Amino acid sequence: MTNLTAKDLDVLTHVLTGEEMACKKARVYANTLTDAALAAEMSEIAAQHEQRFNALYAMLGGRS
C-alpha cells in the first residue's frame, strides 16, 4: 500500500468514526425494535457498517 498523507489519515479517521457510530446505533435499534423484520434489517445494516469499518481499519494496517 502507498504511504498515506496526514490528510488521508485524517479523512480515514473521520470515516472510521462515522462507521463505528452508525454500527453502534443500528445495533441499539436492532435490540430495541419490537418488529422482528425491522430488527433483522437493522442487524444487517449494522453488519454492513462493521464490514466497512473493518475494511477501512485494515487499510491503516490494523487487524480486523
N, C-alpha and C. Protein backbone atom coordinates (compact mmCIF):
# COMPACT_ATOMS: atom_id res chain seq x y z
N MET A 1 0.84 -1.18 0.00
CA MET A 1 0.00 0.00 0.00
C MET A 1 0.88 1.24 0.00
N THR A 2 0.42 2.28 -0.65
CA THR A 2 1.17 3.52 -0.70
C THR A 2 1.13 4.21 0.65
N ASN A 3 2.08 5.10 0.85
CA ASN A 3 2.10 5.85 2.10
C ASN A 3 0.92 6.82 2.12
N LEU A 4 0.29 6.93 3.26
CA LEU A 4 -0.84 7.84 3.42
C LEU A 4 -0.36 9.17 3.94
N THR A 5 -0.93 10.22 3.42
CA THR A 5 -0.59 11.56 3.90
C THR A 5 -1.35 11.83 5.21
N ALA A 6 -0.98 12.90 5.86
CA ALA A 6 -1.67 13.29 7.09
C ALA A 6 -3.15 13.56 6.81
N LYS A 7 -3.43 14.16 5.66
CA LYS A 7 -4.83 14.43 5.28
C LYS A 7 -5.58 13.13 5.06
N ASP A 8 -4.95 12.15 4.39
CA ASP A 8 -5.56 10.85 4.18
C ASP A 8 -5.91 10.20 5.52
N LEU A 9 -4.98 10.24 6.44
CA LEU A 9 -5.20 9.65 7.76
C LEU A 9 -6.33 10.36 8.50
N ASP A 10 -6.39 11.68 8.35
CA ASP A 10 -7.45 12.45 8.99
C ASP A 10 -8.81 12.05 8.43
N VAL A 11 -8.90 11.93 7.12
CA VAL A 11 -10.16 11.55 6.49
C VAL A 11 -10.55 10.14 6.91
N LEU A 12 -9.60 9.21 6.88
CA LEU A 12 -9.89 7.83 7.28
C LEU A 12 -10.36 7.76 8.73
N THR A 13 -9.76 8.55 9.58
CA THR A 13 -10.15 8.58 10.98
C THR A 13 -11.60 9.03 11.13
N HIS A 14 -11.97 10.06 10.40
CA HIS A 14 -13.35 10.56 10.46
C HIS A 14 -14.34 9.53 9.91
N VAL A 15 -13.98 8.88 8.82
CA VAL A 15 -14.87 7.88 8.23
C VAL A 15 -15.00 6.67 9.16
N LEU A 16 -13.89 6.26 9.77
CA LEU A 16 -13.93 5.16 10.73
C LEU A 16 -14.86 5.49 11.90
N THR A 17 -14.75 6.69 12.39
CA THR A 17 -15.60 7.11 13.50
C THR A 17 -17.07 7.07 13.08
N GLY A 18 -17.36 7.55 11.89
CA GLY A 18 -18.73 7.52 11.39
C GLY A 18 -19.27 6.11 11.24
N GLU A 19 -18.47 5.22 10.69
CA GLU A 19 -18.90 3.83 10.52
C GLU A 19 -19.11 3.16 11.88
N GLU A 20 -18.24 3.44 12.82
CA GLU A 20 -18.37 2.86 14.16
C GLU A 20 -19.67 3.33 14.83
N MET A 21 -19.93 4.63 14.74
CA MET A 21 -21.14 5.18 15.34
C MET A 21 -22.40 4.62 14.68
N ALA A 22 -22.38 4.53 13.36
CA ALA A 22 -23.54 4.00 12.64
C ALA A 22 -23.80 2.54 13.01
N CYS A 23 -22.74 1.78 13.15
CA CYS A 23 -22.86 0.38 13.54
C CYS A 23 -23.47 0.26 14.94
N LYS A 24 -22.95 1.04 15.87
CA LYS A 24 -23.47 1.00 17.24
C LYS A 24 -24.94 1.41 17.30
N LYS A 25 -25.31 2.46 16.59
CA LYS A 25 -26.70 2.91 16.58
C LYS A 25 -27.61 1.85 15.97
N ALA A 26 -27.19 1.25 14.87
CA ALA A 26 -28.00 0.22 14.24
C ALA A 26 -28.19 -0.98 15.17
N ARG A 27 -27.15 -1.33 15.92
CA ARG A 27 -27.26 -2.44 16.88
C ARG A 27 -28.24 -2.09 18.01
N VAL A 28 -28.18 -0.86 18.49
CA VAL A 28 -29.12 -0.42 19.52
C VAL A 28 -30.55 -0.51 18.98
N TYR A 29 -30.76 0.00 17.76
CA TYR A 29 -32.09 -0.07 17.16
C TYR A 29 -32.54 -1.51 17.00
N ALA A 30 -31.65 -2.37 16.55
CA ALA A 30 -32.00 -3.78 16.35
C ALA A 30 -32.44 -4.43 17.66
N ASN A 31 -31.80 -4.03 18.76
CA ASN A 31 -32.14 -4.61 20.06
C ASN A 31 -33.37 -3.95 20.69
N THR A 32 -33.76 -2.79 20.18
CA THR A 32 -34.87 -2.04 20.76
C THR A 32 -36.18 -2.28 20.01
N LEU A 33 -36.10 -2.46 18.71
CA LEU A 33 -37.31 -2.61 17.90
C LEU A 33 -38.09 -3.86 18.27
N THR A 34 -39.41 -3.74 18.29
CA THR A 34 -40.26 -4.89 18.61
C THR A 34 -40.69 -5.62 17.34
N ASP A 35 -40.63 -4.96 16.20
CA ASP A 35 -40.95 -5.60 14.92
C ASP A 35 -39.75 -6.44 14.49
N ALA A 36 -39.96 -7.74 14.40
CA ALA A 36 -38.86 -8.66 14.11
C ALA A 36 -38.21 -8.38 12.75
N ALA A 37 -39.02 -8.02 11.76
CA ALA A 37 -38.47 -7.76 10.43
C ALA A 37 -37.58 -6.51 10.44
N LEU A 38 -38.03 -5.47 11.13
CA LEU A 38 -37.22 -4.26 11.22
C LEU A 38 -35.95 -4.51 12.04
N ALA A 39 -36.08 -5.28 13.09
CA ALA A 39 -34.91 -5.60 13.92
C ALA A 39 -33.88 -6.37 13.10
N ALA A 40 -34.34 -7.30 12.28
CA ALA A 40 -33.43 -8.08 11.43
C ALA A 40 -32.75 -7.17 10.41
N GLU A 41 -33.51 -6.24 9.85
CA GLU A 41 -32.94 -5.29 8.88
C GLU A 41 -31.87 -4.42 9.53
N MET A 42 -32.14 -3.96 10.75
CA MET A 42 -31.14 -3.14 11.47
C MET A 42 -29.90 -3.96 11.79
N SER A 43 -30.07 -5.23 12.09
CA SER A 43 -28.91 -6.09 12.35
C SER A 43 -28.05 -6.22 11.09
N GLU A 44 -28.70 -6.34 9.94
CA GLU A 44 -27.98 -6.43 8.67
C GLU A 44 -27.26 -5.12 8.37
N ILE A 45 -27.91 -4.01 8.62
CA ILE A 45 -27.29 -2.71 8.41
C ILE A 45 -26.07 -2.55 9.32
N ALA A 46 -26.20 -2.98 10.56
CA ALA A 46 -25.06 -2.92 11.49
C ALA A 46 -23.90 -3.77 10.99
N ALA A 47 -24.21 -4.94 10.46
CA ALA A 47 -23.16 -5.82 9.93
C ALA A 47 -22.45 -5.18 8.74
N GLN A 48 -23.21 -4.49 7.90
CA GLN A 48 -22.60 -3.81 6.74
C GLN A 48 -21.67 -2.69 7.20
N HIS A 49 -22.09 -1.93 8.20
CA HIS A 49 -21.23 -0.87 8.73
C HIS A 49 -19.97 -1.48 9.35
N GLU A 50 -20.13 -2.60 10.04
CA GLU A 50 -18.98 -3.26 10.65
C GLU A 50 -18.00 -3.75 9.59
N GLN A 51 -18.50 -4.27 8.48
CA GLN A 51 -17.64 -4.72 7.39
C GLN A 51 -16.85 -3.56 6.80
N ARG A 52 -17.54 -2.43 6.59
CA ARG A 52 -16.83 -1.26 6.06
C ARG A 52 -15.80 -0.75 7.05
N PHE A 53 -16.14 -0.74 8.33
CA PHE A 53 -15.19 -0.32 9.36
C PHE A 53 -13.95 -1.20 9.31
N ASN A 54 -14.15 -2.51 9.27
CA ASN A 54 -13.02 -3.44 9.26
C ASN A 54 -12.15 -3.27 8.02
N ALA A 55 -12.77 -3.02 6.87
CA ALA A 55 -12.01 -2.82 5.63
C ALA A 55 -11.17 -1.55 5.72
N LEU A 56 -11.76 -0.48 6.23
CA LEU A 56 -11.02 0.77 6.39
C LEU A 56 -9.90 0.64 7.41
N TYR A 57 -10.20 -0.05 8.49
CA TYR A 57 -9.20 -0.25 9.55
C TYR A 57 -8.02 -1.05 9.02
N ALA A 58 -8.32 -2.02 8.18
CA ALA A 58 -7.26 -2.83 7.57
C ALA A 58 -6.34 -1.96 6.69
N MET A 59 -6.91 -0.93 6.07
CA MET A 59 -6.10 -0.03 5.26
C MET A 59 -5.04 0.69 6.11
N LEU A 60 -5.36 0.87 7.38
CA LEU A 60 -4.42 1.53 8.28
C LEU A 60 -3.40 0.56 8.86
N GLY A 61 -3.49 -0.69 8.47
CA GLY A 61 -2.56 -1.69 8.97
C GLY A 61 -3.04 -2.34 10.24
N GLY A 62 -4.29 -2.06 10.62
CA GLY A 62 -4.86 -2.67 11.82
C GLY A 62 -5.36 -4.06 11.51
N ARG A 63 -5.78 -4.72 12.52
CA ARG A 63 -6.33 -6.07 12.36
C ARG A 63 -7.83 -6.01 12.53
N SER A 64 -8.53 -6.81 11.73
CA SER A 64 -9.99 -6.83 11.86
C SER A 64 -10.48 -8.16 12.38
